[in-house]
Amino acid sequence: MTNDGKRVRIRRTKATITENIRKAAVESVLKRGFSGSLVSEIIKKAKIEPVVFYNRYQNLEEFFSEFVKGYDYWFSDVAKEANKLETPHDQFIALIEGLQECMIEKSVMLELIRWEIAVDNDITKRTASIREMFTLPLAEKYDDLFKNSGIDFVAIATIIVSGLYYLYLHKDRSTFCNIDMNTEEGRNRVNQAIKFLSELLFSKRNMGKENLQL
C-alpha cells in the first residue's frame, strides 16, 4: 500500500510468474493429485490473473503436458546415481533404495504414477513410455548378466519395483499384510526382504540352470 491507501502492483518477470505457477501446481498436485487439481486453484495460489495463465496455456491439460516434463527423467536420475557403484548387486540395491526415497514422502513423482494408473490420456502414456525407455538399458544389462543362469532376474525385479509402487501408493489407505510403509519398521522389513532376495539371486547366478535350487 502507498501512503494514500492505493494498492501497489508488484511487477514480476515472466520467469518469476512461470516459477510461481509451477510452485502452485506442485502444491495443488500434492494436495489433490493430478486428477483433482483445478486451474482456478493454481491461478489463485500463483497470485495471477486468469488471463495470465490462459495467455500461456489453452487449458489445464496443456499446462500439465509441460509441467510433467520436469519429472519425466526422475527414474533416469536414480539409475545414474546407482550406476556410480562398483558391483551390479550394489547398483541394484541402490536403485531400489533410490526409488523408495522418491516415494517415502508425498511427491509429484508418486502422484504422477498414480495418475498414469488412473487416467488414460496422451500425457500419462508419454510419461509412462519415457520411463520404460529408460528402464530398457537396465533390463538388457541384467538380462545379459543372468544369461544361462536359469534366473529371470528382470521379471523378478519387475515384480519388486511394481510391488513397491503399489505399497507406497496404498500406504495411506491401510497396512499390507500388517506391514505399515508409513513407519521405518515397515520399510525396513521390506528392504531387508529385497536385500535377502537379491543376495540369493546374485549368489546363484553362476551356478547354472541345472544346479539352481531356490
Protein backbone atom coordinates (compact mmCIF):
# COMPACT_ATOMS: atom_id res chain seq x y z
CA MET A 1 0.00 0.00 0.00
CA THR A 2 1.11 3.58 -0.69
CA ASN A 3 0.66 6.42 1.79
CA ASP A 4 -2.60 7.41 0.08
CA GLY A 5 -4.02 3.90 0.51
CA LYS A 6 -3.61 2.70 -3.08
CA ARG A 7 -2.51 -0.87 -3.68
CA VAL A 8 0.90 -1.20 -5.31
CA ARG A 9 1.13 -3.86 -8.04
CA ILE A 10 4.35 -5.81 -7.75
CA ARG A 11 5.91 -6.35 -11.16
CA ARG A 12 7.15 -9.85 -11.81
CA THR A 13 9.27 -11.15 -14.66
CA LYS A 14 7.97 -13.85 -17.00
CA ALA A 15 10.40 -16.30 -15.39
CA THR A 16 9.12 -15.45 -11.93
CA ILE A 17 5.50 -15.88 -12.99
CA THR A 18 6.34 -19.24 -14.59
CA GLU A 19 8.01 -20.37 -11.37
CA ASN A 20 5.06 -19.14 -9.30
CA ILE A 21 2.69 -21.17 -11.48
CA ARG A 22 4.93 -24.24 -11.18
CA LYS A 23 5.09 -23.97 -7.39
CA ALA A 24 1.33 -23.51 -7.21
CA ALA A 25 0.85 -26.61 -9.37
CA VAL A 26 3.17 -28.66 -7.14
CA GLU A 27 1.19 -27.61 -4.08
CA SER A 28 -2.09 -28.46 -5.78
CA VAL A 29 -0.89 -31.84 -7.08
CA LEU A 30 0.45 -32.85 -3.67
CA LYS A 31 -2.85 -31.88 -2.08
CA ARG A 32 -5.35 -33.15 -4.67
CA GLY A 33 -3.40 -35.25 -7.16
CA PHE A 34 -3.32 -34.54 -10.87
CA SER A 35 -6.94 -35.57 -11.44
CA GLY A 36 -8.25 -33.36 -8.65
CA SER A 37 -6.25 -30.23 -9.43
CA LEU A 38 -8.11 -27.16 -10.67
CA VAL A 39 -6.94 -24.29 -12.85
CA SER A 40 -8.71 -21.83 -10.55
CA GLU A 41 -6.78 -23.09 -7.53
CA ILE A 42 -3.42 -22.91 -9.34
CA ILE A 43 -4.21 -19.37 -10.52
CA LYS A 44 -5.15 -18.32 -7.01
CA LYS A 45 -2.05 -19.85 -5.41
CA ALA A 46 0.21 -18.33 -8.07
CA LYS A 47 -1.42 -14.91 -7.42
CA ILE A 48 -2.01 -14.20 -11.08
CA GLU A 49 -4.99 -13.14 -13.17
CA PRO A 50 -6.70 -15.88 -15.22
CA VAL A 51 -5.70 -14.11 -18.43
CA VAL A 52 -2.03 -14.56 -17.49
CA PHE A 53 -2.47 -18.33 -17.29
CA TYR A 54 -4.59 -18.61 -20.44
CA ASN A 55 -2.18 -16.48 -22.45
CA ARG A 56 0.34 -19.24 -21.82
CA TYR A 57 -1.81 -22.38 -21.90
CA GLN A 58 -5.11 -23.21 -23.56
CA ASN A 59 -6.24 -25.36 -20.64
CA LEU A 60 -5.05 -27.43 -17.68
CA GLU A 61 -4.17 -30.41 -19.88
CA GLU A 62 -1.78 -28.31 -21.96
CA PHE A 63 -0.21 -26.93 -18.79
CA PHE A 64 0.26 -30.39 -17.30
CA SER A 65 1.81 -31.57 -20.58
CA GLU A 66 4.59 -29.02 -19.99
CA PHE A 67 4.64 -29.33 -16.21
CA VAL A 68 5.32 -33.09 -16.07
CA LYS A 69 8.33 -32.76 -18.38
CA GLY A 70 10.24 -31.61 -15.31
CA TYR A 71 9.59 -35.03 -13.79
CA ASP A 72 9.95 -37.28 -16.86
CA TYR A 73 13.54 -38.19 -16.07
CA TRP A 74 13.42 -38.91 -12.34
CA PHE A 75 13.92 -42.64 -12.91
CA SER A 76 16.92 -41.91 -15.10
CA ASP A 77 18.42 -39.72 -12.36
CA VAL A 78 18.03 -42.53 -9.81
CA ALA A 79 19.67 -45.00 -12.20
CA LYS A 80 22.62 -42.68 -12.86
CA GLU A 81 23.35 -42.42 -9.14
CA ALA A 82 23.10 -46.19 -8.71
CA ASN A 83 25.48 -46.83 -11.60
CA LYS A 84 28.26 -44.99 -9.78
CA LEU A 85 28.68 -48.03 -7.52
CA GLU A 86 31.12 -50.80 -8.36
CA THR A 87 29.15 -54.05 -8.48
CA PRO A 88 25.85 -54.84 -10.26
CA HIS A 89 24.41 -56.08 -6.97
CA ASP A 90 25.23 -52.84 -5.16
CA GLN A 91 23.84 -50.91 -8.12
CA PHE A 92 20.57 -52.81 -7.95
CA ILE A 93 20.16 -52.22 -4.22
CA ALA A 94 20.98 -48.52 -4.67
CA LEU A 95 18.40 -48.33 -7.46
CA ILE A 96 15.72 -49.83 -5.22
CA GLU A 97 16.66 -47.53 -2.34
CA GLY A 98 16.66 -44.51 -4.67
CA LEU A 99 13.19 -45.34 -5.94
CA GLN A 100 11.90 -45.58 -2.40
CA GLU A 101 13.43 -42.26 -1.42
CA CYS A 102 11.30 -40.71 -4.17
CA MET A 103 8.18 -42.32 -2.75
CA ILE A 104 8.56 -42.24 1.05
CA GLU A 105 7.21 -38.70 1.21
CA LYS A 106 4.28 -37.49 -0.85
CA SER A 107 5.84 -36.33 -4.11
CA VAL A 108 4.94 -35.23 -7.62
CA MET A 109 6.65 -38.37 -8.95
CA LEU A 110 4.41 -40.60 -6.82
CA GLU A 111 1.32 -38.66 -7.87
CA LEU A 112 2.41 -38.96 -11.49
CA ILE A 113 2.48 -42.76 -11.16
CA ARG A 114 -0.95 -42.66 -9.51
CA TRP A 115 -2.26 -40.54 -12.41
CA GLU A 116 -0.77 -42.90 -15.00
CA ILE A 117 -2.62 -45.82 -13.44
CA ALA A 118 -5.93 -44.00 -13.07
CA VAL A 119 -6.15 -41.93 -16.27
CA ASP A 120 -5.62 -42.80 -19.92
CA ASN A 121 -4.52 -39.74 -21.87
CA ASP A 122 -1.63 -38.61 -24.07
CA ILE A 123 0.31 -37.20 -21.12
CA THR A 124 0.17 -40.32 -18.95
CA LYS A 125 1.01 -42.52 -21.94
CA ARG A 126 4.02 -40.35 -22.75
CA THR A 127 5.44 -40.24 -19.22
CA ALA A 128 5.00 -43.98 -18.77
CA SER A 129 6.65 -44.63 -22.15
CA ILE A 130 9.60 -42.39 -21.31
CA ARG A 131 10.17 -44.20 -18.02
CA GLU A 132 10.00 -47.53 -19.84
CA MET A 133 12.54 -46.26 -22.36
CA PHE A 134 14.99 -45.55 -19.55
CA THR A 135 14.49 -49.00 -17.99
CA LEU A 136 15.34 -50.86 -21.21
CA PRO A 137 19.15 -50.47 -20.91
CA LEU A 138 18.92 -51.71 -17.32
CA ALA A 139 16.80 -54.66 -18.38
CA GLU A 140 19.28 -55.55 -21.13
CA LYS A 141 22.19 -55.23 -18.69
CA TYR A 142 20.68 -57.64 -16.16
CA ASP A 143 19.37 -60.00 -18.83
CA ASP A 144 22.94 -60.33 -20.08
CA LEU A 145 24.33 -60.65 -16.55
CA PHE A 146 21.98 -63.52 -15.69
CA LYS A 147 22.10 -65.21 -19.10
CA ASN A 148 22.29 -69.03 -18.83
CA SER A 149 21.76 -68.84 -15.06
CA GLY A 150 18.17 -70.08 -15.17
CA ILE A 151 17.10 -66.91 -13.34
CA ASP A 152 14.81 -64.38 -14.98
CA PHE A 153 16.18 -61.53 -12.92
CA VAL A 154 14.39 -58.83 -14.93
CA ALA A 155 10.99 -60.44 -14.31
CA ILE A 156 11.76 -60.70 -10.59
CA ALA A 157 12.96 -57.09 -10.48
CA THR A 158 9.75 -56.08 -12.27
CA ILE A 159 7.69 -57.68 -9.52
CA ILE A 160 9.80 -55.96 -6.84
CA VAL A 161 9.54 -52.49 -8.39
CA SER A 162 5.84 -52.73 -9.23
CA GLY A 163 5.20 -54.11 -5.74
CA LEU A 164 6.95 -51.09 -4.23
CA TYR A 165 4.86 -48.77 -6.40
CA TYR A 166 1.71 -50.35 -5.03
CA LEU A 167 2.85 -50.38 -1.41
CA TYR A 168 3.69 -46.69 -1.47
CA LEU A 169 0.53 -45.73 -3.37
CA HIS A 170 -1.51 -47.79 -0.90
CA LYS A 171 0.26 -46.82 2.33
CA ASP A 172 -2.20 -44.09 3.36
CA ARG A 173 -5.18 -46.41 2.96
CA SER A 174 -4.17 -49.41 5.03
CA THR A 175 -1.32 -51.63 6.10
CA PHE A 176 -0.50 -54.51 3.75
CA CYS A 177 -0.17 -57.91 5.45
CA ASN A 178 0.25 -55.85 8.63
CA ILE A 179 3.29 -54.04 7.19
CA ASP A 180 2.98 -50.28 7.53
CA MET A 181 5.03 -48.44 4.91
CA ASN A 182 4.45 -45.20 6.80
CA THR A 183 6.78 -46.45 9.52
CA GLU A 184 10.51 -47.01 9.50
CA GLU A 185 9.95 -50.51 10.85
CA GLY A 186 7.67 -51.43 7.95
CA ARG A 187 10.03 -50.01 5.34
CA ASN A 188 12.99 -51.81 6.93
CA ARG A 189 11.15 -55.14 6.78
CA VAL A 190 10.52 -54.71 3.07
CA ASN A 191 14.09 -53.51 2.44
CA GLN A 192 15.59 -56.46 4.27
CA ALA A 193 13.40 -58.85 2.28
CA ILE A 194 14.52 -57.27 -1.01
CA LYS A 195 18.18 -57.42 0.04
CA PHE A 196 17.82 -61.06 1.07
CA LEU A 197 16.21 -61.98 -2.24
CA SER A 198 18.73 -60.07 -4.33
CA GLU A 199 21.69 -61.58 -2.46
CA LEU A 200 20.21 -65.01 -3.02
CA LEU A 201 19.75 -64.39 -6.73
CA PHE A 202 23.23 -62.98 -7.25
CA SER A 203 24.81 -65.82 -5.30
CA LYS A 204 23.02 -68.35 -7.51
CA ARG A 205 23.61 -66.73 -10.89
CA ASN A 206 26.89 -68.55 -11.55
CA MET A 207 25.61 -71.97 -10.58
CA GLY A 208 23.92 -72.68 -13.89
CA LYS A 209 20.34 -73.69 -14.53
CA GLU A 210 20.88 -77.36 -13.76
CA ASN A 211 22.23 -76.62 -10.26
CA LEU A 212 19.76 -73.86 -9.33
CA GLN A 213 17.88 -74.65 -6.15
CA LEU A 214 15.92 -71.83 -4.52
